[in-house]
Amino acid sequence: MSKSKFITKIEELFGLTPHSDESKKDAIKELMHKLKARRIALKQEMKNETDIIKREALKDSIKIIKKQIKKAEEILDE
């Protein structure tokens, strides 16, 4: 996935407007911060959840977010 596709996908996920004046790295850093905050919120929600099906769905969401964070870190390392 290219940098612009990644930024677009994450912006769609969080309902953000595209950043025209910021550099791509700054936008990725901001999105990473929001992804990490979302991951923490999902972990807290999972701790309080008692329904097994909902817990599994939350685990899947956390896995997806972890992959997105990894991809963002790879892009920033380039």
PDB file of N, CA and C in Angstrom:
ATOM      1  N   MET A   1       0.856  -1.169   0.000  1.00  0.00           N
ATOM      2  CA  MET A   1       0.000   0.000   0.000  1.00  0.00           C
ATOM      3  C   MET A   1       0.900   1.230   0.000  1.00  0.00           C
ATOM      4  N   SER A   2       0.605   2.163  -0.859  1.00  0.00           N
ATOM      5  CA  SER A   2       1.410   3.372  -0.953  1.00  0.00           C
ATOM      6  C   SER A   2       1.068   4.342   0.177  1.00  0.00           C
ATOM      7  N   LYS A   3       1.893   5.357   0.325  1.00  0.00           N
ATOM      8  CA  LYS A   3       1.697   6.339   1.391  1.00  0.00           C
ATOM      9  C   LYS A   3       0.359   7.048   1.252  1.00  0.00           C
ATOM     10  N   SER A   4       0.062   7.480   0.053  1.00  0.00           N
ATOM     11  CA  SER A   4      -1.176   8.235  -0.140  1.00  0.00           C
ATOM     12  C   SER A   4      -2.406   7.366   0.078  1.00  0.00           C
ATOM     13  N   LYS A   5      -2.343   6.104  -0.343  1.00  0.00           N
ATOM     14  CA  LYS A   5      -3.470   5.199  -0.106  1.00  0.00           C
ATOM     15  C   LYS A   5      -3.661   4.974   1.381  1.00  0.00           C
ATOM     16  N   PHE A   6      -2.553   4.781   2.107  1.00  0.00           N
ATOM     17  CA  PHE A   6      -2.623   4.560   3.539  1.00  0.00           C
ATOM     18  C   PHE A   6      -3.252   5.757   4.230  1.00  0.00           C
ATOM     19  N   ILE A   7      -2.784   6.947   3.888  1.00  0.00           N
ATOM     20  CA  ILE A   7      -3.328   8.164   4.493  1.00  0.00           C
ATOM     21  C   ILE A   7      -4.813   8.294   4.189  1.00  0.00           C
ATOM     22  N   THR A   8      -5.194   8.036   2.953  1.00  0.00           N
ATOM     23  CA  THR A   8      -6.599   8.141   2.552  1.00  0.00           C
ATOM     24  C   THR A   8      -7.466   7.159   3.320  1.00  0.00           C
ATOM     25  N   LYS A   9      -7.008   5.911   3.435  1.00  0.00           N
ATOM     26  CA  LYS A   9      -7.789   4.881   4.147  1.00  0.00           C
ATOM     27  C   LYS A   9      -7.983   5.256   5.608  1.00  0.00           C
ATOM     28  N   ILE A  10      -6.930   5.701   6.264  1.00  0.00           N
ATOM     29  CA  ILE A  10      -7.025   6.047   7.678  1.00  0.00           C
ATOM     30  C   ILE A  10      -7.882   7.293   7.877  1.00  0.00           C
ATOM     31  N   GLU A  11      -7.754   8.265   6.986  1.00  0.00           N
ATOM     32  CA  GLU A  11      -8.585   9.459   7.091  1.00  0.00           C
ATOM     33  C   GLU A  11     -10.058   9.108   6.925  1.00  0.00           C
ATOM     34  N   GLU A  12     -10.361   8.178   6.017  1.00  0.00           N
ATOM     35  CA  GLU A  12     -11.736   7.730   5.849  1.00  0.00           C
ATOM     36  C   GLU A  12     -12.220   7.022   7.110  1.00  0.00           C
ATOM     37  N   LEU A  13     -11.351   6.214   7.699  1.00  0.00           N
ATOM     38  CA  LEU A  13     -11.704   5.470   8.904  1.00  0.00           C
ATOM     39  C   LEU A  13     -12.080   6.412  10.036  1.00  0.00           C
ATOM     40  N   PHE A  14     -11.314   7.479  10.216  1.00  0.00           N
ATOM     41  CA  PHE A  14     -11.564   8.400  11.301  1.00  0.00           C
ATOM     42  C   PHE A  14     -12.405   9.611  10.897  1.00  0.00           C
ATOM     43  N   GLY A  15     -12.778   9.705   9.633  1.00  0.00           N
ATOM     44  CA  GLY A  15     -13.607  10.808   9.169  1.00  0.00           C
ATOM     45  C   GLY A  15     -12.874  12.140   9.169  1.00  0.00           C
ATOM     46  N   LEU A  16     -11.602  12.117   8.866  1.00  0.00           N
ATOM     47  CA  LEU A  16     -10.797  13.335   8.852  1.00  0.00           C
ATOM     48  C   LEU A  16     -10.782  13.933   7.454  1.00  0.00           C
ATOM     49  N   THR A  17     -10.518  15.229   7.398  1.00  0.00           N
ATOM     50  CA  THR A  17     -10.382  15.883   6.107  1.00  0.00           C
ATOM     51  C   THR A  17      -8.944  15.762   5.642  1.00  0.00           C
ATOM     52  N   PRO A  18      -8.707  15.720   4.353  1.00  0.00           N
ATOM     53  CA  PRO A  18      -7.333  15.597   3.865  1.00  0.00           C
ATOM     54  C   PRO A  18      -6.491  16.821   4.235  1.00  0.00           C
ATOM     55  N   HIS A  19      -5.220  16.578   4.506  1.00  0.00           N
ATOM     56  CA  HIS A  19      -4.295  17.649   4.875  1.00  0.00           C
ATOM     57  C   HIS A  19      -3.562  18.108   3.617  1.00  0.00           C
ATOM     58  N   SER A  20      -3.846  19.312   3.187  1.00  0.00           N
ATOM     59  CA  SER A  20      -3.213  19.790   1.966  1.00  0.00           C
ATOM     60  C   SER A  20      -1.915  20.544   2.249  1.00  0.00           C
ATOM     61  N   ASP A  21      -1.794  21.180   3.415  1.00  0.00           N
ATOM     62  CA  ASP A  21      -0.613  21.985   3.686  1.00  0.00           C
ATOM     63  C   ASP A  21       0.433  21.254   4.525  1.00  0.00           C
ATOM     64  N   GLU A  22       0.091  20.145   5.112  1.00  0.00           N
ATOM     65  CA  GLU A  22       1.052  19.387   5.903  1.00  0.00           C
ATOM     66  C   GLU A  22       1.796  18.402   5.015  1.00  0.00           C
ATOM     67  N   SER A  23       2.991  18.076   5.449  1.00  0.00           N
ATOM     68  CA  SER A  23       3.727  17.066   4.694  1.00  0.00           C
ATOM     69  C   SER A  23       3.103  15.704   4.979  1.00  0.00           C
ATOM     70  N   LYS A  24       3.409  14.750   4.147  1.00  0.00           N
ATOM     71  CA  LYS A  24       2.836  13.419   4.316  1.00  0.00           C
ATOM     72  C   LYS A  24       3.311  12.777   5.613  1.00  0.00           C
ATOM     73  N   LYS A  25       4.555  13.009   5.987  1.00  0.00           N
ATOM     74  CA  LYS A  25       5.075  12.422   7.224  1.00  0.00           C
ATOM     75  C   LYS A  25       4.350  12.967   8.439  1.00  0.00           C
ATOM     76  N   ASP A  26       4.068  14.258   8.447  1.00  0.00           N
ATOM     77  CA  ASP A  26       3.337  14.839   9.568  1.00  0.00           C
ATOM     78  C   ASP A  26       1.931  14.258   9.652  1.00  0.00           C
ATOM     79  N   ALA A  27       1.300  14.062   8.504  1.00  0.00           N
ATOM     80  CA  ALA A  27      -0.042  13.482   8.480  1.00  0.00           C
ATOM     81  C   ALA A  27      -0.008  12.046   8.990  1.00  0.00           C
ATOM     82  N   ILE A  28       1.011  11.298   8.599  1.00  0.00           N
ATOM     83  CA  ILE A  28       1.120   9.910   9.046  1.00  0.00           C
ATOM     84  C   ILE A  28       1.362   9.862  10.552  1.00  0.00           C
ATOM     85  N   LYS A  29       2.210  10.755  11.067  1.00  0.00           N
ATOM     86  CA  LYS A  29       2.461  10.797  12.511  1.00  0.00           C
ATOM     87  C   LYS A  29       1.182  11.097  13.282  1.00  0.00           C
ATOM     88  N   GLU A  30       0.406  12.033  12.780  1.00  0.00           N
ATOM     89  CA  GLU A  30      -0.863  12.381  13.431  1.00  0.00           C
ATOM     90  C   GLU A  30      -1.827  11.192  13.408  1.00  0.00           C
ATOM     91  N   LEU A  31      -1.907  10.518  12.270  1.00  0.00           N
ATOM     92  CA  LEU A  31      -2.782   9.359  12.153  1.00  0.00           C
ATOM     93  C   LEU A  31      -2.311   8.220  13.059  1.00  0.00           C
ATOM     94  N   MET A  32      -1.003   8.036  13.173  1.00  0.00           N
ATOM     95  CA  MET A  32      -0.472   7.011  14.065  1.00  0.00           C
ATOM     96  C   MET A  32      -0.861   7.298  15.508  1.00  0.00           C
ATOM     97  N   HIS A  33      -0.788   8.549  15.890  1.00  0.00           N
ATOM     98  CA  HIS A  33      -1.171   8.933  17.245  1.00  0.00           C
ATOM     99  C   HIS A  33      -2.638   8.584  17.503  1.00  0.00           C
ATOM    100  N   LYS A  34      -3.487   8.874  16.537  1.00  0.00           N
ATOM    101  CA  LYS A  34      -4.913   8.575  16.682  1.00  0.00           C
ATOM    102  C   LYS A  34      -5.179   7.070  16.675  1.00  0.00           C
ATOM    103  N   LEU A  35      -4.427   6.329  15.863  1.00  0.00           N
ATOM    104  CA  LEU A  35      -4.566   4.870  15.851  1.00  0.00           C
ATOM    105  C   LEU A  35      -4.173   4.274  17.198  1.00  0.00           C
ATOM    106  N   LYS A  36      -3.093   4.774  17.761  1.00  0.00           N
ATOM    107  CA  LYS A  36      -2.651   4.271  19.062  1.00  0.00           C
ATOM    108  C   LYS A  36      -3.677   4.588  20.140  1.00  0.00           C
ATOM    109  N   ALA A  37      -4.265   5.765  20.085  1.00  0.00           N
ATOM    110  CA  ALA A  37      -5.291   6.132  21.057  1.00  0.00           C
ATOM    111  C   ALA A  37      -6.523   5.238  20.890  1.00  0.00           C
ATOM    112  N   ARG A  38      -6.885   4.953  19.659  1.00  0.00           N
ATOM    113  CA  ARG A  38      -8.036   4.072  19.385  1.00  0.00           C
ATOM    114  C   ARG A  38      -7.762   2.659  19.884  1.00  0.00           C
ATOM    115  N   ARG A  39      -6.520   2.193  19.697  1.00  0.00           N
ATOM    116  CA  ARG A  39      -6.146   0.861  20.152  1.00  0.00           C
ATOM    117  C   ARG A  39      -6.257   0.754  21.671  1.00  0.00           C
ATOM    118  N   ILE A  40      -5.818   1.785  22.378  1.00  0.00           N
ATOM    119  CA  ILE A  40      -5.915   1.794  23.839  1.00  0.00           C
ATOM    120  C   ILE A  40      -7.381   1.782  24.266  1.00  0.00           C
ATOM    121  N   ALA A  41      -8.210   2.563  23.586  1.00  0.00           N
ATOM    122  CA  ALA A  41      -9.636   2.609  23.914  1.00  0.00           C
ATOM    123  C   ALA A  41     -10.291   1.245  23.692  1.00  0.00           C
ATOM    124  N   LEU A  42      -9.916   0.565  22.594  1.00  0.00           N
ATOM    125  CA  LEU A  42     -10.473  -0.758  22.318  1.00  0.00           C
ATOM    126  C   LEU A  42     -10.027  -1.784  23.358  1.00  0.00           C
ATOM    127  N   LYS A  43      -8.792  -1.678  23.810  1.00  0.00           N
ATOM    128  CA  LYS A  43      -8.304  -2.588  24.848  1.00  0.00           C
ATOM    129  C   LYS A  43      -9.100  -2.411  26.136  1.00  0.00           C
ATOM    130  N   GLN A  44      -9.355  -1.167  26.503  1.00  0.00           N
ATOM    131  CA  GLN A  44     -10.143  -0.888  27.708  1.00  0.00           C
ATOM    132  C   GLN A  44     -11.558  -1.441  27.564  1.00  0.00           C
ATOM    133  N   GLU A  45     -12.129  -1.232  26.389  1.00  0.00           N
ATOM    134  CA  GLU A  45     -13.483  -1.724  26.120  1.00  0.00           C
ATOM    135  C   GLU A  45     -13.515  -3.249  26.183  1.00  0.00           C
ATOM    136  N   MET A  46     -12.464  -3.886  25.677  1.00  0.00           N
ATOM    137  CA  MET A  46     -12.409  -5.343  25.682  1.00  0.00           C
ATOM    138  C   MET A  46     -12.302  -5.886  27.115  1.00  0.00           C
ATOM    139  N   LYS A  47     -11.577  -5.185  27.979  1.00  0.00           N
ATOM    140  CA  LYS A  47     -11.459  -5.619  29.374  1.00  0.00           C
ATOM    141  C   LYS A  47     -12.810  -5.625  30.073  1.00  0.00           C
ATOM    142  N   ASN A  48     -13.665  -4.675  29.715  1.00  0.00           N
ATOM    143  CA  ASN A  48     -14.970  -4.545  30.372  1.00  0.00           C
ATOM    144  C   ASN A  48     -16.063  -5.374  29.709  1.00  0.00           C
ATOM    145  N   GLU A  49     -15.794  -5.937  28.538  1.00  0.00           N
ATOM    146  CA  GLU A  49     -16.796  -6.690  27.780  1.00  0.00           C
ATOM    147  C   GLU A  49     -16.904  -8.118  28.311  1.00  0.00           C
ATOM    148  N   THR A  50     -18.139  -8.580  28.466  1.00  0.00           N
ATOM    149  CA  THR A  50     -18.368  -9.946  28.950  1.00  0.00           C
ATOM    150  C   THR A  50     -18.852 -10.881  27.853  1.00  0.00           C
ATOM    151  N   ASP A  51     -19.420 -10.340  26.799  1.00  0.00           N
ATOM    152  CA  ASP A  51     -19.917 -11.162  25.690  1.00  0.00           C
ATOM    153  C   ASP A  51     -18.744 -11.658  24.853  1.00  0.00           C
ATOM    154  N   ILE A  52     -18.650 -12.965  24.671  1.00  0.00           N
ATOM    155  CA  ILE A  52     -17.523 -13.585  23.972  1.00  0.00           C
ATOM    156  C   ILE A  52     -17.442 -13.130  22.520  1.00  0.00           C
ATOM    157  N   ILE A  53     -18.558 -13.035  21.840  1.00  0.00           N
ATOM    158  CA  ILE A  53     -18.570 -12.640  20.429  1.00  0.00           C
ATOM    159  C   ILE A  53     -18.057 -11.205  20.270  1.00  0.00           C
ATOM    160  N   LYS A  54     -18.502 -10.323  21.149  1.00  0.00           N
ATOM    161  CA  LYS A  54     -18.051  -8.929  21.080  1.00  0.00           C
ATOM    162  C   LYS A  54     -16.563  -8.828  21.411  1.00  0.00           C
ATOM    163  N   ARG A  55     -16.087  -9.649  22.345  1.00  0.00           N
ATOM    164  CA  ARG A  55     -14.664  -9.649  22.693  1.00  0.00           C
ATOM    165  C   ARG A  55     -13.812 -10.064  21.490  1.00  0.00           C
ATOM    166  N   GLU A  56     -14.278 -11.082  20.771  1.00  0.00           N
ATOM    167  CA  GLU A  56     -13.548 -11.532  19.581  1.00  0.00           C
ATOM    168  C   GLU A  56     -13.530 -10.452  18.510  1.00  0.00           C
ATOM    169  N   ALA A  57     -14.641  -9.756  18.348  1.00  0.00           N
ATOM    170  CA  ALA A  57     -14.700  -8.661  17.370  1.00  0.00           C
ATOM    171  C   ALA A  57     -13.723  -7.547  17.764  1.00  0.00           C
ATOM    172  N   LEU A  58     -13.657  -7.261  19.052  1.00  0.00           N
ATOM    173  CA  LEU A  58     -12.723  -6.237  19.524  1.00  0.00           C
ATOM    174  C   LEU A  58     -11.279  -6.678  19.307  1.00  0.00           C
ATOM    175  N   LYS A  59     -10.998  -7.960  19.531  1.00  0.00           N
ATOM    176  CA  LYS A  59      -9.645  -8.485  19.293  1.00  0.00           C
ATOM    177  C   LYS A  59      -9.263  -8.334  17.826  1.00  0.00           C
ATOM    178  N   ASP A  60     -10.201  -8.639  16.943  1.00  0.00           N
ATOM    179  CA  ASP A  60      -9.948  -8.491  15.508  1.00  0.00           C
ATOM    180  C   ASP A  60      -9.666  -7.028  15.153  1.00  0.00           C
ATOM    181  N   SER A  61     -10.439  -6.128  15.734  1.00  0.00           N
ATOM    182  CA  SER A  61     -10.235  -4.697  15.470  1.00  0.00           C
ATOM    183  C   SER A  61      -8.856  -4.252  15.949  1.00  0.00           C
ATOM    184  N   ILE A  62      -8.444  -4.746  17.099  1.00  0.00           N
ATOM    185  CA  ILE A  62      -7.127  -4.393  17.639  1.00  0.00           C
ATOM    186  C   ILE A  62      -6.026  -4.920  16.732  1.00  0.00           C
ATOM    187  N   LYS A  63      -6.197  -6.143  16.204  1.00  0.00           N
ATOM    188  CA  LYS A  63      -5.199  -6.711  15.289  1.00  0.00           C
ATOM    189  C   LYS A  63      -5.067  -5.859  14.034  1.00  0.00           C
ATOM    190  N   ILE A  64      -6.188  -5.413  13.504  1.00  0.00           N
ATOM    191  CA  ILE A  64      -6.177  -4.582  12.297  1.00  0.00           C
ATOM    192  C   ILE A  64      -5.454  -3.267  12.570  1.00  0.00           C
ATOM    193  N   ILE A  65      -5.755  -2.656  13.699  1.00  0.00           N
ATOM    194  CA  ILE A  65      -5.129  -1.385  14.043  1.00  0.00           C
ATOM    195  C   ILE A  65      -3.625  -1.565  14.244  1.00  0.00           C
ATOM    196  N   LYS A  66      -3.223  -2.684  14.860  1.00  0.00           N
ATOM    197  CA  LYS A  66      -1.796  -2.953  15.037  1.00  0.00           C
ATOM    198  C   LYS A  66      -1.090  -3.060  13.689  1.00  0.00           C
ATOM    199  N   LYS A  67      -1.729  -3.708  12.714  1.00  0.00           N
ATOM    200  CA  LYS A  67      -1.146  -3.814  11.378  1.00  0.00           C
ATOM    201  C   LYS A  67      -1.028  -2.442  10.732  1.00  0.00           C
ATOM    202  N   GLN A  68      -2.024  -1.595  10.925  1.00  0.00           N
ATOM    203  CA  GLN A  68      -1.989  -0.254  10.353  1.00  0.00           C
ATOM    204  C   GLN A  68      -0.880   0.582  10.988  1.00  0.00           C
ATOM    205  N   ILE A  69      -0.689   0.427  12.284  1.00  0.00           N
ATOM    206  CA  ILE A  69       0.381   1.143  12.975  1.00  0.00           C
ATOM    207  C   ILE A  69       1.737   0.683  12.456  1.00  0.00           C
ATOM    208  N   LYS A  70       1.889  -0.634  12.276  1.00  0.00           N
ATOM    209  CA  LYS A  70       3.140  -1.173  11.741  1.00  0.00           C
ATOM    210  C   LYS A  70       3.434  -0.610  10.353  1.00  0.00           C
ATOM    211  N   LYS A  71       2.410  -0.556   9.519  1.00  0.00           N
ATOM    212  CA  LYS A  71       2.572  -0.045   8.164  1.00  0.00           C
ATOM    213  C   LYS A  71       2.973   1.434   8.204  1.00  0.00           C
ATOM    214  N   ALA A  72       2.370   2.186   9.093  1.00  0.00           N
ATOM    215  CA  ALA A  72       2.720   3.603   9.219  1.00  0.00           C
ATOM    216  C   ALA A  72       4.167   3.764   9.658  1.00  0.00           C
ATOM    217  N   GLU A  73       4.620   2.930  10.584  1.00  0.00           N
ATOM    218  CA  GLU A  73       6.003   2.997  11.028  1.00  0.00           C
ATOM    219  C   GLU A  73       6.964   2.653   9.892  1.00  0.00           C
ATOM    220  N   GLU A  74       6.593   1.669   9.080  1.00  0.00           N
ATOM    221  CA  GLU A  74       7.417   1.304   7.924  1.00  0.00           C
ATOM    222  C   GLU A  74       7.524   2.477   6.948  1.00  0.00           C
ATOM    223  N   ILE A  75       6.423   3.140   6.714  1.00  0.00           N
ATOM    224  CA  ILE A  75       6.405   4.278   5.794  1.00  0.00           C
ATOM    225  C   ILE A  75       7.292   5.407   6.338  1.00  0.00           C
ATOM    226  N   LEU A  76       7.231   5.639   7.632  1.00  0.00           N
ATOM    227  CA  LEU A  76       8.033   6.711   8.233  1.00  0.00           C
ATOM    228  C   LEU A  76       9.517   6.372   8.210  1.00  0.00           C
ATOM    229  N   ASP A  77       9.844   5.096   8.255  1.00  0.00           N
ATOM    230  CA  ASP A  77      11.250   4.668   8.230  1.00  0.00           C
ATOM    231  C   ASP A  77      11.889   4.807   6.855  1.00  0.00           C
ATOM    232  N   GLU A  78      11.066   4.880   5.815  1.00  0.00           N
ATOM    233  CA  GLU A  78      11.599   4.992   4.438  1.00  0.00           C
ATOM    234  C   GLU A  78      12.284   6.308   4.213  1.00  0.00           C
TER     235      GLU A  78
END
